PDB file of N, CA and C in Angstrom:
ATOM      1  N   VAL A   1       0.853  -1.181   0.000  1.00  0.00           N
ATOM      2  CA  VAL A   1       0.000   0.000   0.000  1.00  0.00           C
ATOM      3  C   VAL A   1       0.889   1.231   0.000  1.00  0.00           C
ATOM      4  N   LYS A   2       0.583   2.141  -0.877  1.00  0.00           N
ATOM      5  CA  LYS A   2       1.391   3.352  -1.043  1.00  0.00           C
ATOM      6  C   LYS A   2       1.501   4.159   0.249  1.00  0.00           C
ATOM      7  N   ILE A   3       0.404   4.203   1.002  1.00  0.00           N
ATOM      8  CA  ILE A   3       0.411   4.984   2.241  1.00  0.00           C
ATOM      9  C   ILE A   3       1.444   4.423   3.210  1.00  0.00           C
ATOM     10  N   ASP A   4       1.521   3.098   3.311  1.00  0.00           N
ATOM     11  CA  ASP A   4       2.453   2.460   4.239  1.00  0.00           C
ATOM     12  C   ASP A   4       3.890   2.535   3.746  1.00  0.00           C
ATOM     13  N   THR A   5       4.106   2.203   2.486  1.00  0.00           N
ATOM     14  CA  THR A   5       5.476   2.114   1.987  1.00  0.00           C
ATOM     15  C   THR A   5       6.113   3.475   1.761  1.00  0.00           C
ATOM     16  N   GLU A   6       5.337   4.429   1.286  1.00  0.00           N
ATOM     17  CA  GLU A   6       5.896   5.745   0.961  1.00  0.00           C
ATOM     18  C   GLU A   6       5.501   6.824   1.966  1.00  0.00           C
ATOM     19  N   GLN A   7       4.743   6.444   2.979  1.00  0.00           N
ATOM     20  CA  GLN A   7       4.220   7.403   3.960  1.00  0.00           C
ATOM     21  C   GLN A   7       3.576   8.597   3.254  1.00  0.00           C
ATOM     22  N   ASP A   8       2.688   8.277   2.329  1.00  0.00           N
ATOM     23  CA  ASP A   8       1.989   9.294   1.539  1.00  0.00           C
ATOM     24  C   ASP A   8       0.795   9.819   2.338  1.00  0.00           C
ATOM     25  N   TYR A   9       1.051  10.826   3.155  1.00  0.00           N
ATOM     26  CA  TYR A   9       0.019  11.336   4.051  1.00  0.00           C
ATOM     27  C   TYR A   9      -1.082  12.078   3.305  1.00  0.00           C
ATOM     28  N   ALA A  10      -0.771  12.645   2.169  1.00  0.00           N
ATOM     29  CA  ALA A  10      -1.810  13.309   1.375  1.00  0.00           C
ATOM     30  C   ALA A  10      -2.822  12.280   0.888  1.00  0.00           C
ATOM     31  N   ALA A  11      -2.336  11.133   0.447  1.00  0.00           N
ATOM     32  CA  ALA A  11      -3.235  10.061   0.014  1.00  0.00           C
ATOM     33  C   ALA A  11      -4.053   9.555   1.197  1.00  0.00           C
ATOM     34  N   ALA A  12      -3.412   9.444   2.346  1.00  0.00           N
ATOM     35  CA  ALA A  12      -4.119   8.992   3.546  1.00  0.00           C
ATOM     36  C   ALA A  12      -5.218   9.980   3.914  1.00  0.00           C
ATOM     37  N   ALA A  13      -4.928  11.260   3.832  1.00  0.00           N
ATOM     38  CA  ALA A  13      -5.927  12.276   4.166  1.00  0.00           C
ATOM     39  C   ALA A  13      -7.118  12.190   3.214  1.00  0.00           C
ATOM     40  N   GLY A  14      -6.848  11.931   1.953  1.00  0.00           N
ATOM     41  CA  GLY A  14      -7.929  11.772   0.986  1.00  0.00           C
ATOM     42  C   GLY A  14      -8.815  10.587   1.324  1.00  0.00           C
ATOM     43  N   LEU A  15      -8.193   9.486   1.729  1.00  0.00           N
ATOM     44  CA  LEU A  15      -8.970   8.307   2.114  1.00  0.00           C
ATOM     45  C   LEU A  15      -9.804   8.579   3.360  1.00  0.00           C
ATOM     46  N   VAL A  16      -9.225   9.290   4.308  1.00  0.00           N
ATOM     47  CA  VAL A  16      -9.965   9.619   5.531  1.00  0.00           C
ATOM     48  C   VAL A  16     -11.175  10.483   5.193  1.00  0.00           C
ATOM     49  N   ARG A  17     -11.005  11.452   4.298  1.00  0.00           N
ATOM     50  CA  ARG A  17     -12.142  12.297   3.889  1.00  0.00           C
ATOM     51  C   ARG A  17     -13.237  11.449   3.254  1.00  0.00           C
ATOM     52  N   LYS A  18     -12.849  10.507   2.395  1.00  0.00           N
ATOM     53  CA  LYS A  18     -13.844   9.639   1.758  1.00  0.00           C
ATOM     54  C   LYS A  18     -14.563   8.780   2.787  1.00  0.00           C
ATOM     55  N   LEU A  19     -13.813   8.227   3.730  1.00  0.00           N
ATOM     56  CA  LEU A  19     -14.431   7.390   4.758  1.00  0.00           C
ATOM     57  C   LEU A  19     -15.383   8.194   5.635  1.00  0.00           C
ATOM     58  N   ARG A  20     -14.987   9.411   5.991  1.00  0.00           N
ATOM     59  CA  ARG A  20     -15.863  10.266   6.804  1.00  0.00           C
ATOM     60  C   ARG A  20     -17.136  10.603   6.042  1.00  0.00           C
ATOM     61  N   PHE A  21     -16.998  10.885   4.745  1.00  0.00           N
ATOM     62  CA  PHE A  21     -18.172  11.186   3.931  1.00  0.00           C
ATOM     63  C   PHE A  21     -19.112   9.990   3.895  1.00  0.00           C
ATOM     64  N   MET A  22     -18.549   8.797   3.677  1.00  0.00           N
ATOM     65  CA  MET A  22     -19.371   7.591   3.608  1.00  0.00           C
ATOM     66  C   MET A  22     -20.050   7.315   4.947  1.00  0.00           C
ATOM     67  N   GLU A  23     -19.333   7.546   6.042  1.00  0.00           N
ATOM     68  CA  GLU A  23     -19.913   7.336   7.366  1.00  0.00           C
ATOM     69  C   GLU A  23     -21.064   8.307   7.618  1.00  0.00           C
ATOM     70  N   LYS A  24     -20.868   9.571   7.247  1.00  0.00           N
ATOM     71  CA  LYS A  24     -21.922  10.573   7.432  1.00  0.00           C
ATOM     72  C   LYS A  24     -23.136  10.227   6.570  1.00  0.00           C
ATOM     73  N   LEU A  25     -22.902   9.802   5.346  1.00  0.00           N
ATOM     74  CA  LEU A  25     -23.990   9.419   4.458  1.00  0.00           C
ATOM     75  C   LEU A  25     -24.774   8.244   5.038  1.00  0.00           C
ATOM     76  N   ALA A  26     -24.061   7.246   5.557  1.00  0.00           N
ATOM     77  CA  ALA A  26     -24.718   6.085   6.164  1.00  0.00           C
ATOM     78  C   ALA A  26     -25.565   6.506   7.363  1.00  0.00           C
ATOM     79  N   GLU A  27     -25.056   7.433   8.168  1.00  0.00           N
ATOM     80  CA  GLU A  27     -25.821   7.925   9.321  1.00  0.00           C
ATOM     81  C   GLU A  27     -27.088   8.637   8.865  1.00  0.00           C
ATOM     82  N   GLU A  28     -26.982   9.422   7.795  1.00  0.00           N
ATOM     83  CA  GLU A  28     -28.156  10.131   7.287  1.00  0.00           C
ATOM     84  C   GLU A  28     -29.184   9.154   6.725  1.00  0.00           C
ATOM     85  N   ILE A  29     -28.719   8.113   6.064  1.00  0.00           N
ATOM     86  CA  ILE A  29     -29.629   7.089   5.538  1.00  0.00           C
ATOM     87  C   ILE A  29     -30.313   6.363   6.686  1.00  0.00           C
ATOM     88  N   ASP A  30     -29.555   5.997   7.716  1.00  0.00           N
ATOM     89  CA  ASP A  30     -30.138   5.340   8.889  1.00  0.00           C
ATOM     90  C   ASP A  30     -31.194   6.229   9.539  1.00  0.00           C
ATOM     91  N   ALA A  31     -30.898   7.522   9.653  1.00  0.00           N
ATOM     92  CA  ALA A  31     -31.854   8.453  10.251  1.00  0.00           C
ATOM     93  C   ALA A  31     -33.126   8.533   9.405  1.00  0.00           C
ATOM     94  N   ALA A  32     -32.975   8.526   8.092  1.00  0.00           N
ATOM     95  CA  ALA A  32     -34.141   8.575   7.210  1.00  0.00           C
ATOM     96  C   ALA A  32     -34.989   7.316   7.368  1.00  0.00           C
ATOM     97  N   TYR A  33     -34.347   6.150   7.481  1.00  0.00           N
ATOM     98  CA  TYR A  33     -35.094   4.908   7.709  1.00  0.00           C
ATOM     99  C   TYR A  33     -35.806   4.944   9.054  1.00  0.00           C
ATOM    100  N   ASP A  34     -35.172   5.527  10.071  1.00  0.00           N
ATOM    101  CA  ASP A  34     -35.815   5.648  11.381  1.00  0.00           C
ATOM    102  C   ASP A  34     -37.080   6.489  11.287  1.00  0.00           C
ATOM    103  N   VAL A  35     -37.039   7.558  10.499  1.00  0.00           N
ATOM    104  CA  VAL A  35     -38.219   8.410  10.324  1.00  0.00           C
ATOM    105  C   VAL A  35     -39.328   7.630   9.620  1.00  0.00           C
ATOM    106  N   ILE A  36     -38.971   6.851   8.623  1.00  0.00           N
ATOM    107  CA  ILE A  36     -39.959   6.068   7.876  1.00  0.00           C
ATOM    108  C   ILE A  36     -40.597   5.005   8.766  1.00  0.00           C
ATOM    109  N   ASP A  37     -39.799   4.384   9.626  1.00  0.00           N
ATOM    110  CA  ASP A  37     -40.291   3.300  10.476  1.00  0.00           C
ATOM    111  C   ASP A  37     -41.223   3.773  11.582  1.00  0.00           C
ATOM    112  N   MET A  38     -41.225   5.061  11.893  1.00  0.00           N
ATOM    113  CA  MET A  38     -42.066   5.546  12.989  1.00  0.00           C
ATOM    114  C   MET A  38     -43.486   5.517  12.595  1.00  0.00           C
TER     115      MET A  38
END
């Protein structure tokens, strides 16, 4: 993995941003399902 071998912190930061976005999106989807289930 480039991040490990080359210590490419810019690439790591990009991955973290993507993961945070996906996590936030999943939370919003879960919240929407909770509203529907009520």
